[in-house]
Amino acid sequence: MAISQSLNKKSSAYCKYPASPLLFTLSNKNISNDCEISLDEITVAGEINISECKDILKENNWVLTSVNPIDGEPSTYNLFRDGDSIATLSKNRYYSDSWRIDTSNHLTAQEKRHITNITRLFNKPRITRIDIAVDFINFDDAGMIYTLYRPNTKIFYTRGTNGKFESITAGVKKSLQVYRYYNKLIELRQNHGIKAPPYIKNWERLELQLRQTKTYNTVQDWDNRVEKMLNCLILPEVTRLAVPNVKERAMINQLLNHPEEFKYISSRTRAKYRKKIRELHKKSTPTRINLATKALEHKKNDINKEITSFL
């Protein structure tokens, strides 16, 4: 639920401001098969004595939206745009001076300054979460026909009324690494009430969510993890030309559509079919994956600069 500056000052929910067509414009509106890679969301954590920073928070337009019911001390501040939250500063419930800022990366220069003016007050600031978005816009092979192949990981699906996939998620909410593949046009319309301009015919997003802990520094090599995610986006049907043996083809198609069933087969059979699937993927990498790999190589330095600019 969105935090409204006028309607819900006590809420501590975080309202994600979407990568909407209002903020996203194609370099050429007639372009097809356009792949964009960007930093979508970020969380910065650190230590700060919030009672000493109230004036600075006010100067940077942060609004107190909730307090601790026991001691009355601040627990959440929000930064608003047109009445909706675009960033949240919240207290860690387990550590007295530990706070974090959650925000999307869809900010004006002024809004970003309001955020970094606070993160630069943090003692020992660190990135604890990033989301990297790989957007496939106006693609010839659109239609959510791909699937996520990630063995030994829980896969969750949602379908529309027409029976087609609307989203596929590999990994549970609190995993250090989660993959999501979804129809961005439907997500914008259903969750944010935003209708895309007519030149955006289709828009599918592959998204990587990384959480960092004191033990695992998953954020540092985010580009390698994006590349691995790209290789998990595959077409779920193997043709007779690729695999002539009908039994092997049926087995591969079943495992591609239901990777959780790997656990029901012997280790020897499991190794056999994983190898076959890897070989098939290498032989016929989809165009969108090749384009995304090139876009990643082109953008990774810029994204690294964006990530560190929040510290």
C-alpha atoms as a PDB file:
ATOM      1  CA  MET A   1       0.000   0.000   0.000  1.00  0.00           C
ATOM      2  CA  ALA A   2       1.344   3.416  -0.922  1.00  0.00           C
ATOM      3  CA  ILE A   3       2.160   5.896   1.783  1.00  0.00           C
ATOM      4  CA  SER A   4       0.152   9.048   1.240  1.00  0.00           C
ATOM      5  CA  GLN A   5       1.489  12.236   2.750  1.00  0.00           C
ATOM      6  CA  SER A   6      -2.011  13.389   3.532  1.00  0.00           C
ATOM      7  CA  LEU A   7      -3.814  10.118   4.279  1.00  0.00           C
ATOM      8  CA  ASN A   8      -1.404   7.821   6.070  1.00  0.00           C
ATOM      9  CA  LYS A   9       1.348   9.449   8.085  1.00  0.00           C
ATOM     10  CA  LYS A  10       1.540   6.510  10.518  1.00  0.00           C
ATOM     11  CA  SER A  11       2.210   3.819   7.927  1.00  0.00           C
ATOM     12  CA  SER A  12       5.701   2.348   7.563  1.00  0.00           C
ATOM     13  CA  ALA A  13       5.038   0.577   4.255  1.00  0.00           C
ATOM     14  CA  TYR A  14       7.407   1.301   1.412  1.00  0.00           C
ATOM     15  CA  CYS A  15       5.889   2.590  -1.804  1.00  0.00           C
ATOM     16  CA  LYS A  16       8.004   1.716  -4.838  1.00  0.00           C
ATOM     17  CA  TYR A  17       7.885   4.360  -7.511  1.00  0.00           C
ATOM     18  CA  PRO A  18       7.747   2.339 -10.730  1.00  0.00           C
ATOM     19  CA  ALA A  19      10.016   2.592 -13.736  1.00  0.00           C
ATOM     20  CA  SER A  20       7.065   3.998 -15.610  1.00  0.00           C
ATOM     21  CA  PRO A  21       6.860   5.224 -19.188  1.00  0.00           C
ATOM     22  CA  LEU A  22       6.463   8.673 -17.643  1.00  0.00           C
ATOM     23  CA  LEU A  23      10.125   8.482 -16.601  1.00  0.00           C
ATOM     24  CA  PHE A  24      11.381   6.036 -19.209  1.00  0.00           C
ATOM     25  CA  THR A  25      11.659   7.044 -22.847  1.00  0.00           C
ATOM     26  CA  LEU A  26      13.082   5.085 -25.730  1.00  0.00           C
ATOM     27  CA  SER A  27      15.875   6.747 -27.670  1.00  0.00           C
ATOM     28  CA  ASN A  28      13.915   5.920 -30.825  1.00  0.00           C
ATOM     29  CA  LYS A  29      10.166   5.439 -30.467  1.00  0.00           C
ATOM     30  CA  ASN A  30      10.052   3.198 -33.529  1.00  0.00           C
ATOM     31  CA  ILE A  31      12.750   0.867 -32.281  1.00  0.00           C
ATOM     32  CA  SER A  32      12.144  -2.858 -31.847  1.00  0.00           C
ATOM     33  CA  ASN A  33      14.004  -5.459 -29.798  1.00  0.00           C
ATOM     34  CA  ASP A  34      15.247  -2.790 -27.376  1.00  0.00           C
ATOM     35  CA  CYS A  35      17.054  -4.106 -24.283  1.00  0.00           C
ATOM     36  CA  GLU A  36      17.724  -1.760 -21.357  1.00  0.00           C
ATOM     37  CA  ILE A  37      19.616  -2.649 -18.157  1.00  0.00           C
ATOM     38  CA  SER A  38      19.378  -0.416 -15.103  1.00  0.00           C
ATOM     39  CA  LEU A  39      19.637  -0.162 -11.340  1.00  0.00           C
ATOM     40  CA  ASP A  40      16.018  -0.358 -10.203  1.00  0.00           C
ATOM     41  CA  GLU A  41      16.088  -0.298  -6.390  1.00  0.00           C
ATOM     42  CA  ILE A  42      18.705   0.116  -3.692  1.00  0.00           C
ATOM     43  CA  THR A  43      18.997  -0.079   0.095  1.00  0.00           C
ATOM     44  CA  VAL A  44      21.728   1.700   2.068  1.00  0.00           C
ATOM     45  CA  ALA A  45      22.233   0.912   5.757  1.00  0.00           C
ATOM     46  CA  GLY A  46      24.411   2.469   8.421  1.00  0.00           C
ATOM     47  CA  GLU A  47      24.610   3.959  11.886  1.00  0.00           C
ATOM     48  CA  ILE A  48      23.258   7.426  12.591  1.00  0.00           C
ATOM     49  CA  ASN A  49      22.185   9.367  15.680  1.00  0.00           C
ATOM     50  CA  ILE A  50      18.808  10.422  14.340  1.00  0.00           C
ATOM     51  CA  SER A  51      18.061  12.849  17.192  1.00  0.00           C
ATOM     52  CA  GLU A  52      21.037  14.968  16.081  1.00  0.00           C
ATOM     53  CA  CYS A  53      19.871  15.046  12.458  1.00  0.00           C
ATOM     54  CA  LYS A  54      16.270  16.240  12.731  1.00  0.00           C
ATOM     55  CA  ASP A  55      17.048  19.667  11.288  1.00  0.00           C
ATOM     56  CA  ILE A  56      18.969  18.166   8.355  1.00  0.00           C
ATOM     57  CA  LEU A  57      16.122  15.752   7.670  1.00  0.00           C
ATOM     58  CA  LYS A  58      13.660  18.629   7.637  1.00  0.00           C
ATOM     59  CA  GLU A  59      15.894  20.679   5.320  1.00  0.00           C
ATOM     60  CA  ASN A  60      15.915  17.736   2.905  1.00  0.00           C
ATOM     61  CA  ASN A  61      12.124  17.330   2.958  1.00  0.00           C
ATOM     62  CA  TRP A  62      12.027  14.108   4.996  1.00  0.00           C
ATOM     63  CA  VAL A  63       8.734  13.742   6.871  1.00  0.00           C
ATOM     64  CA  LEU A  64       8.322  11.799  10.117  1.00  0.00           C
ATOM     65  CA  THR A  65       5.646   9.160   9.422  1.00  0.00           C
ATOM     66  CA  SER A  66       5.815   6.840  12.442  1.00  0.00           C
ATOM     67  CA  VAL A  67       7.187   6.688  15.977  1.00  0.00           C
ATOM     68  CA  ASN A  68       7.945   3.892  18.411  1.00  0.00           C
ATOM     69  CA  PRO A  69       4.741   3.382  20.449  1.00  0.00           C
ATOM     70  CA  ILE A  70       6.765   2.603  23.584  1.00  0.00           C
ATOM     71  CA  ASP A  71       9.224   5.498  23.826  1.00  0.00           C
ATOM     72  CA  GLY A  72       7.800   7.893  21.228  1.00  0.00           C
ATOM     73  CA  GLU A  73      11.113   8.067  19.374  1.00  0.00           C
ATOM     74  CA  PRO A  74      11.127   8.334  15.555  1.00  0.00           C
ATOM     75  CA  SER A  75      11.085   5.016  13.683  1.00  0.00           C
ATOM     76  CA  THR A  76      10.260   5.991  10.082  1.00  0.00           C
ATOM     77  CA  TYR A  77      10.732   9.006   7.822  1.00  0.00           C
ATOM     78  CA  ASN A  78       9.559   9.295   4.229  1.00  0.00           C
ATOM     79  CA  LEU A  79      10.475  11.414   1.240  1.00  0.00           C
ATOM     80  CA  PHE A  80       7.432  12.296  -0.847  1.00  0.00           C
ATOM     81  CA  ARG A  81       6.673  13.236  -4.425  1.00  0.00           C
ATOM     82  CA  ASP A  82       3.144  14.450  -5.167  1.00  0.00           C
ATOM     83  CA  GLY A  83       1.879  12.816  -1.991  1.00  0.00           C
ATOM     84  CA  ASP A  84       3.451   9.384  -2.596  1.00  0.00           C
ATOM     85  CA  SER A  85       6.573   8.030  -0.928  1.00  0.00           C
ATOM     86  CA  ILE A  86       9.667   7.649  -3.102  1.00  0.00           C
ATOM     87  CA  ALA A  87      12.077   6.740  -0.274  1.00  0.00           C
ATOM     88  CA  THR A  88      11.877   5.415   3.263  1.00  0.00           C
ATOM     89  CA  LEU A  89      14.300   5.912   6.147  1.00  0.00           C
ATOM     90  CA  SER A  90      13.551   3.279   8.786  1.00  0.00           C
ATOM     91  CA  LYS A  91      15.111   2.186  12.050  1.00  0.00           C
ATOM     92  CA  ASN A  92      16.475  -1.314  12.529  1.00  0.00           C
ATOM     93  CA  ARG A  93      14.384  -2.762  15.325  1.00  0.00           C
ATOM     94  CA  TYR A  94      17.302  -4.768  16.729  1.00  0.00           C
ATOM     95  CA  TYR A  95      20.046  -2.083  16.866  1.00  0.00           C
ATOM     96  CA  SER A  96      19.620   1.323  18.493  1.00  0.00           C
ATOM     97  CA  ASP A  97      21.425   3.556  15.974  1.00  0.00           C
ATOM     98  CA  SER A  98      21.114   1.377  12.866  1.00  0.00           C
ATOM     99  CA  TRP A  99      18.944   2.812  10.069  1.00  0.00           C
ATOM    100  CA  ARG A 100      18.402   2.105   6.393  1.00  0.00           C
ATOM    101  CA  ILE A 101      17.144   3.985   3.352  1.00  0.00           C
ATOM    102  CA  ASP A 102      15.105   2.107   0.735  1.00  0.00           C
ATOM    103  CA  THR A 103      14.449   3.788  -2.582  1.00  0.00           C
ATOM    104  CA  SER A 104      13.957   3.175  -6.249  1.00  0.00           C
ATOM    105  CA  ASN A 105      16.496   4.687  -8.624  1.00  0.00           C
ATOM    106  CA  HIS A 106      13.809   6.648 -10.484  1.00  0.00           C
ATOM    107  CA  LEU A 107      14.654  10.007  -8.984  1.00  0.00           C
ATOM    108  CA  THR A 108      15.222  13.555 -10.070  1.00  0.00           C
ATOM    109  CA  ALA A 109      18.653  15.043  -9.299  1.00  0.00           C
ATOM    110  CA  GLN A 110      17.123  17.061  -6.468  1.00  0.00           C
ATOM    111  CA  GLU A 111      15.414  14.017  -4.930  1.00  0.00           C
ATOM    112  CA  LYS A 112      18.622  12.018  -5.063  1.00  0.00           C
ATOM    113  CA  ARG A 113      20.469  14.832  -3.257  1.00  0.00           C
ATOM    114  CA  HIS A 114      17.828  14.714  -0.506  1.00  0.00           C
ATOM    115  CA  ILE A 115      18.679  11.020  -0.100  1.00  0.00           C
ATOM    116  CA  THR A 116      22.477  11.163  -0.367  1.00  0.00           C
ATOM    117  CA  ASN A 117      22.618  14.125   2.016  1.00  0.00           C
ATOM    118  CA  ILE A 118      21.381  11.622   4.624  1.00  0.00           C
ATOM    119  CA  THR A 119      23.324   8.489   3.605  1.00  0.00           C
ATOM    120  CA  ARG A 120      26.532  10.542   3.816  1.00  0.00           C
ATOM    121  CA  LEU A 121      25.790  11.105   7.483  1.00  0.00           C
ATOM    122  CA  PHE A 122      25.812   7.336   8.063  1.00  0.00           C
ATOM    123  CA  ASN A 123      28.707   5.819   9.945  1.00  0.00           C
ATOM    124  CA  LYS A 124      30.031   2.796   8.009  1.00  0.00           C
ATOM    125  CA  PRO A 125      27.411   2.993   5.219  1.00  0.00           C
ATOM    126  CA  ARG A 126      26.931  -0.143   3.141  1.00  0.00           C
ATOM    127  CA  ILE A 127      24.702  -1.370   0.347  1.00  0.00           C
ATOM    128  CA  THR A 128      22.476  -4.174   1.643  1.00  0.00           C
ATOM    129  CA  ARG A 129      20.193  -4.683  -1.355  1.00  0.00           C
ATOM    130  CA  ILE A 130      20.056  -3.864  -5.037  1.00  0.00           C
ATOM    131  CA  ASP A 131      17.601  -4.773  -7.785  1.00  0.00           C
ATOM    132  CA  ILE A 132      18.889  -4.856 -11.364  1.00  0.00           C
ATOM    133  CA  ALA A 133      16.265  -4.693 -14.120  1.00  0.00           C
ATOM    134  CA  VAL A 134      16.727  -6.120 -17.614  1.00  0.00           C
ATOM    135  CA  ASP A 135      13.926  -4.729 -19.785  1.00  0.00           C
ATOM    136  CA  PHE A 136      12.896  -6.270 -23.106  1.00  0.00           C
ATOM    137  CA  ILE A 137      10.798  -3.702 -24.975  1.00  0.00           C
ATOM    138  CA  ASN A 138       8.994  -4.167 -28.291  1.00  0.00           C
ATOM    139  CA  PHE A 139      10.509  -7.601 -28.827  1.00  0.00           C
ATOM    140  CA  ASP A 140       9.473  -9.787 -31.731  1.00  0.00           C
ATOM    141  CA  ASP A 141       9.312 -12.875 -29.500  1.00  0.00           C
ATOM    142  CA  ALA A 142       7.260 -11.253 -26.720  1.00  0.00           C
ATOM    143  CA  GLY A 143       4.325 -12.982 -25.056  1.00  0.00           C
ATOM    144  CA  MET A 144       5.889 -14.372 -21.861  1.00  0.00           C
ATOM    145  CA  ILE A 145       6.871 -17.509 -23.758  1.00  0.00           C
ATOM    146  CA  TYR A 146      10.110 -17.961 -21.795  1.00  0.00           C
ATOM    147  CA  THR A 147      10.592 -19.642 -18.439  1.00  0.00           C
ATOM    148  CA  LEU A 148      13.183 -19.512 -15.650  1.00  0.00           C
ATOM    149  CA  TYR A 149      15.277 -22.657 -15.428  1.00  0.00           C
ATOM    150  CA  ARG A 150      17.011 -22.673 -12.045  1.00  0.00           C
ATOM    151  CA  PRO A 151      17.416 -26.147 -10.488  1.00  0.00           C
ATOM    152  CA  ASN A 152      17.244 -26.613  -6.703  1.00  0.00           C
ATOM    153  CA  THR A 153      15.238 -23.392  -6.354  1.00  0.00           C
ATOM    154  CA  LYS A 154      11.557 -22.915  -5.598  1.00  0.00           C
ATOM    155  CA  ILE A 155       9.709 -21.527  -8.612  1.00  0.00           C
ATOM    156  CA  PHE A 156       6.449 -19.579  -8.290  1.00  0.00           C
ATOM    157  CA  TYR A 157       4.091 -18.803 -11.192  1.00  0.00           C
ATOM    158  CA  THR A 158       1.127 -16.486 -11.684  1.00  0.00           C
ATOM    159  CA  ARG A 159      -1.139 -16.694 -14.730  1.00  0.00           C
ATOM    160  CA  GLY A 160      -3.636 -14.272 -16.182  1.00  0.00           C
ATOM    161  CA  THR A 161      -7.255 -15.045 -17.020  1.00  0.00           C
ATOM    162  CA  ASN A 162      -6.098 -16.060 -20.512  1.00  0.00           C
ATOM    163  CA  GLY A 163      -3.885 -18.773 -19.016  1.00  0.00           C
ATOM    164  CA  LYS A 164      -0.618 -17.078 -20.011  1.00  0.00           C
ATOM    165  CA  PHE A 165       2.168 -16.468 -17.520  1.00  0.00           C
ATOM    166  CA  GLU A 166       2.210 -12.983 -16.012  1.00  0.00           C
ATOM    167  CA  SER A 167       5.135 -13.592 -13.651  1.00  0.00           C
ATOM    168  CA  ILE A 168       7.664 -16.264 -12.715  1.00  0.00           C
ATOM    169  CA  THR A 169       9.777 -15.994  -9.553  1.00  0.00           C
ATOM    170  CA  ALA A 170      12.768 -18.209  -8.731  1.00  0.00           C
ATOM    171  CA  GLY A 171      13.606 -18.027  -5.041  1.00  0.00           C
ATOM    172  CA  VAL A 172      11.773 -17.076  -1.876  1.00  0.00           C
ATOM    173  CA  LYS A 173      11.322 -13.522  -0.607  1.00  0.00           C
ATOM    174  CA  LYS A 174      14.197 -13.534   1.900  1.00  0.00           C
ATOM    175  CA  SER A 175      16.710 -15.352  -0.307  1.00  0.00           C
ATOM    176  CA  LEU A 176      20.045 -13.663  -0.912  1.00  0.00           C
ATOM    177  CA  GLN A 177      19.296 -13.915  -4.624  1.00  0.00           C
ATOM    178  CA  VAL A 178      15.902 -13.882  -6.361  1.00  0.00           C
ATOM    179  CA  TYR A 179      15.072 -13.928 -10.078  1.00  0.00           C
ATOM    180  CA  ARG A 180      11.822 -12.492 -11.408  1.00  0.00           C
ATOM    181  CA  TYR A 181      10.457 -12.530 -14.955  1.00  0.00           C
ATOM    182  CA  TYR A 182       7.189 -10.683 -15.505  1.00  0.00           C
ATOM    183  CA  ASN A 183       5.006  -8.681 -17.819  1.00  0.00           C
ATOM    184  CA  LYS A 184       5.886  -5.093 -16.916  1.00  0.00           C
ATOM    185  CA  LEU A 185       2.934  -3.579 -18.787  1.00  0.00           C
ATOM    186  CA  ILE A 186       0.476  -5.617 -16.713  1.00  0.00           C
ATOM    187  CA  GLU A 187       2.372  -4.844 -13.491  1.00  0.00           C
ATOM    188  CA  LEU A 188       2.266  -1.098 -14.201  1.00  0.00           C
ATOM    189  CA  ARG A 189      -1.431  -1.171 -14.966  1.00  0.00           C
ATOM    190  CA  GLN A 190      -2.528  -3.406 -12.086  1.00  0.00           C
ATOM    191  CA  ASN A 191      -0.237  -2.134  -9.319  1.00  0.00           C
ATOM    192  CA  HIS A 192       0.242   1.514 -10.256  1.00  0.00           C
ATOM    193  CA  GLY A 193      -2.641   2.442 -12.570  1.00  0.00           C
ATOM    194  CA  ILE A 194      -0.179   3.493 -15.270  1.00  0.00           C
ATOM    195  CA  LYS A 195      -0.940   2.964 -18.946  1.00  0.00           C
ATOM    196  CA  ALA A 196       2.020   2.795 -21.304  1.00  0.00           C
ATOM    197  CA  PRO A 197       2.195   5.109 -24.307  1.00  0.00           C
ATOM    198  CA  PRO A 198       1.192   3.470 -27.620  1.00  0.00           C
ATOM    199  CA  TYR A 199       4.763   3.163 -28.929  1.00  0.00           C
ATOM    200  CA  ILE A 200       5.493   0.584 -26.187  1.00  0.00           C
ATOM    201  CA  LYS A 201       3.799  -2.491 -27.676  1.00  0.00           C
ATOM    202  CA  ASN A 202       5.196  -4.998 -25.189  1.00  0.00           C
ATOM    203  CA  TRP A 203       7.479  -4.817 -22.165  1.00  0.00           C
ATOM    204  CA  GLU A 204       8.839  -7.824 -20.288  1.00  0.00           C
ATOM    205  CA  ARG A 205      11.254  -7.526 -17.384  1.00  0.00           C
ATOM    206  CA  LEU A 206      13.851  -9.917 -16.002  1.00  0.00           C
ATOM    207  CA  GLU A 207      14.865  -8.756 -12.537  1.00  0.00           C
ATOM    208  CA  LEU A 208      17.631  -9.718 -10.129  1.00  0.00           C
ATOM    209  CA  GLN A 209      17.220  -8.970  -6.433  1.00  0.00           C
ATOM    210  CA  LEU A 210      20.379  -9.255  -4.330  1.00  0.00           C
ATOM    211  CA  ARG A 211      20.567  -9.018  -0.554  1.00  0.00           C
ATOM    212  CA  GLN A 212      23.888  -8.585   1.193  1.00  0.00           C
ATOM    213  CA  THR A 213      24.727  -9.827   4.686  1.00  0.00           C
ATOM    214  CA  LYS A 214      27.839  -9.630   6.831  1.00  0.00           C
ATOM    215  CA  THR A 215      28.711 -13.139   5.640  1.00  0.00           C
ATOM    216  CA  TYR A 216      27.790 -12.954   1.948  1.00  0.00           C
ATOM    217  CA  ASN A 217      28.784 -10.027  -0.271  1.00  0.00           C
ATOM    218  CA  THR A 218      26.387 -10.782  -3.123  1.00  0.00           C
ATOM    219  CA  VAL A 219      26.165  -7.159  -4.298  1.00  0.00           C
ATOM    220  CA  GLN A 220      29.835  -6.794  -5.206  1.00  0.00           C
ATOM    221  CA  ASP A 221      29.732  -9.128  -8.229  1.00  0.00           C
ATOM    222  CA  TRP A 222      26.214  -8.212  -9.339  1.00  0.00           C
ATOM    223  CA  ASP A 223      27.186  -8.182 -13.042  1.00  0.00           C
ATOM    224  CA  ASN A 224      28.326 -11.817 -12.965  1.00  0.00           C
ATOM    225  CA  ARG A 225      25.084 -12.724 -11.223  1.00  0.00           C
ATOM    226  CA  VAL A 226      23.043 -10.899 -13.871  1.00  0.00           C
ATOM    227  CA  GLU A 227      24.853 -12.888 -16.554  1.00  0.00           C
ATOM    228  CA  LYS A 228      24.021 -16.146 -14.773  1.00  0.00           C
ATOM    229  CA  MET A 229      20.384 -15.046 -14.514  1.00  0.00           C
ATOM    230  CA  LEU A 230      20.256 -14.331 -18.242  1.00  0.00           C
ATOM    231  CA  ASN A 231      21.366 -17.889 -18.923  1.00  0.00           C
ATOM    232  CA  CYS A 232      18.446 -19.136 -16.833  1.00  0.00           C
ATOM    233  CA  LEU A 233      15.865 -17.494 -19.118  1.00  0.00           C
ATOM    234  CA  ILE A 234      15.122 -20.166 -21.693  1.00  0.00           C
ATOM    235  CA  LEU A 235      12.443 -21.340 -24.090  1.00  0.00           C
ATOM    236  CA  PRO A 236      10.507 -24.153 -22.383  1.00  0.00           C
ATOM    237  CA  GLU A 237      10.053 -26.396 -25.438  1.00  0.00           C
ATOM    238  CA  VAL A 238      12.730 -28.516 -27.121  1.00  0.00           C
ATOM    239  CA  THR A 239      12.034 -29.428 -30.751  1.00  0.00           C
ATOM    240  CA  ARG A 240      12.313 -32.824 -32.418  1.00  0.00           C
ATOM    241  CA  LEU A 241      15.115 -31.438 -34.576  1.00  0.00           C
ATOM    242  CA  ALA A 242      17.168 -30.577 -31.478  1.00  0.00           C
ATOM    243  CA  VAL A 243      16.424 -33.870 -29.646  1.00  0.00           C
ATOM    244  CA  PRO A 244      15.244 -36.660 -31.989  1.00  0.00           C
ATOM    245  CA  ASN A 245      14.746 -39.234 -29.221  1.00  0.00           C
ATOM    246  CA  VAL A 246      11.126 -38.855 -28.124  1.00  0.00           C
ATOM    247  CA  LYS A 247      11.680 -40.091 -24.556  1.00  0.00           C
ATOM    248  CA  GLU A 248      14.627 -37.771 -23.988  1.00  0.00           C
ATOM    249  CA  ARG A 249      12.734 -34.864 -25.532  1.00  0.00           C
ATOM    250  CA  ALA A 250       9.711 -35.496 -23.305  1.00  0.00           C
ATOM    251  CA  MET A 251      11.946 -35.728 -20.230  1.00  0.00           C
ATOM    252  CA  ILE A 252      13.800 -32.498 -21.059  1.00  0.00           C
ATOM    253  CA  ASN A 253      10.567 -30.584 -21.725  1.00  0.00           C
ATOM    254  CA  GLN A 254       9.102 -31.824 -18.445  1.00  0.00           C
ATOM    255  CA  LEU A 255      12.179 -30.764 -16.478  1.00  0.00           C
ATOM    256  CA  LEU A 256      12.304 -27.372 -18.188  1.00  0.00           C
ATOM    257  CA  ASN A 257       8.690 -26.669 -17.275  1.00  0.00           C
ATOM    258  CA  HIS A 258       8.944 -28.214 -13.805  1.00  0.00           C
ATOM    259  CA  PRO A 259      12.571 -27.949 -12.589  1.00  0.00           C
ATOM    260  CA  GLU A 260      11.454 -28.882  -9.071  1.00  0.00           C
ATOM    261  CA  GLU A 261      11.051 -32.453 -10.353  1.00  0.00           C
ATOM    262  CA  PHE A 262      14.821 -32.901 -10.604  1.00  0.00           C
ATOM    263  CA  LYS A 263      14.710 -34.020  -6.982  1.00  0.00           C
ATOM    264  CA  TYR A 264      12.624 -37.054  -7.899  1.00  0.00           C
ATOM    265  CA  ILE A 265      15.194 -38.590 -10.249  1.00  0.00           C
ATOM    266  CA  SER A 266      18.470 -40.341  -9.482  1.00  0.00           C
ATOM    267  CA  SER A 267      21.688 -38.342  -9.237  1.00  0.00           C
ATOM    268  CA  ARG A 268      23.042 -40.033 -12.357  1.00  0.00           C
ATOM    269  CA  THR A 269      19.948 -39.204 -14.412  1.00  0.00           C
ATOM    270  CA  ARG A 270      19.892 -35.702 -12.974  1.00  0.00           C
ATOM    271  CA  ALA A 271      23.483 -35.060 -14.073  1.00  0.00           C
ATOM    272  CA  LYS A 272      22.738 -36.461 -17.527  1.00  0.00           C
ATOM    273  CA  TYR A 273      19.811 -34.143 -18.212  1.00  0.00           C
ATOM    274  CA  ARG A 274      21.402 -31.072 -16.705  1.00  0.00           C
ATOM    275  CA  LYS A 275      24.324 -31.566 -19.068  1.00  0.00           C
ATOM    276  CA  LYS A 276      21.970 -31.997 -22.058  1.00  0.00           C
ATOM    277  CA  ILE A 277      20.044 -28.836 -21.153  1.00  0.00           C
ATOM    278  CA  ARG A 278      23.280 -26.830 -20.847  1.00  0.00           C
ATOM    279  CA  GLU A 279      24.465 -28.091 -24.231  1.00  0.00           C
ATOM    280  CA  LEU A 280      21.134 -27.270 -25.882  1.00  0.00           C
ATOM    281  CA  HIS A 281      21.177 -23.777 -24.424  1.00  0.00           C
ATOM    282  CA  LYS A 282      24.704 -23.122 -25.732  1.00  0.00           C
ATOM    283  CA  LYS A 283      23.705 -24.247 -29.232  1.00  0.00           C
ATOM    284  CA  SER A 284      20.691 -21.954 -29.517  1.00  0.00           C
ATOM    285  CA  THR A 285      20.977 -18.854 -27.339  1.00  0.00           C
ATOM    286  CA  PRO A 286      17.908 -16.636 -27.991  1.00  0.00           C
ATOM    287  CA  THR A 287      18.473 -13.229 -29.615  1.00  0.00           C
ATOM    288  CA  ARG A 288      17.204 -11.394 -26.545  1.00  0.00           C
ATOM    289  CA  ILE A 289      19.856 -13.033 -24.358  1.00  0.00           C
ATOM    290  CA  ASN A 290      22.644 -12.049 -26.755  1.00  0.00           C
ATOM    291  CA  LEU A 291      21.351  -8.478 -26.815  1.00  0.00           C
ATOM    292  CA  ALA A 292      21.074  -8.376 -23.025  1.00  0.00           C
ATOM    293  CA  THR A 293      24.626  -9.685 -22.614  1.00  0.00           C
ATOM    294  CA  LYS A 294      25.937  -6.899 -24.869  1.00  0.00           C
ATOM    295  CA  ALA A 295      23.845  -4.295 -23.010  1.00  0.00           C
ATOM    296  CA  LEU A 296      25.249  -5.538 -19.688  1.00  0.00           C
ATOM    297  CA  GLU A 297      28.822  -5.153 -20.894  1.00  0.00           C
ATOM    298  CA  HIS A 298      28.022  -1.650 -22.129  1.00  0.00           C
ATOM    299  CA  LYS A 299      26.219  -0.472 -18.985  1.00  0.00           C
ATOM    300  CA  LYS A 300      27.958  -2.190 -16.071  1.00  0.00           C
ATOM    301  CA  ASN A 301      30.472   0.595 -15.383  1.00  0.00           C
ATOM    302  CA  ASP A 302      27.711   3.226 -15.354  1.00  0.00           C
ATOM    303  CA  ILE A 303      25.603   1.093 -13.013  1.00  0.00           C
ATOM    304  CA  ASN A 304      28.559   0.586 -10.681  1.00  0.00           C
ATOM    305  CA  LYS A 305      28.958   4.389 -10.504  1.00  0.00           C
ATOM    306  CA  GLU A 306      25.224   4.758  -9.766  1.00  0.00           C
ATOM    307  CA  ILE A 307      25.434   2.227  -6.924  1.00  0.00           C
ATOM    308  CA  THR A 308      28.429   3.900  -5.267  1.00  0.00           C
ATOM    309  CA  SER A 309      26.892   7.355  -5.747  1.00  0.00           C
ATOM    310  CA  PHE A 310      24.386   6.535  -2.992  1.00  0.00           C
ATOM    311  CA  LEU A 311      27.180   6.177  -0.429  1.00  0.00           C
END
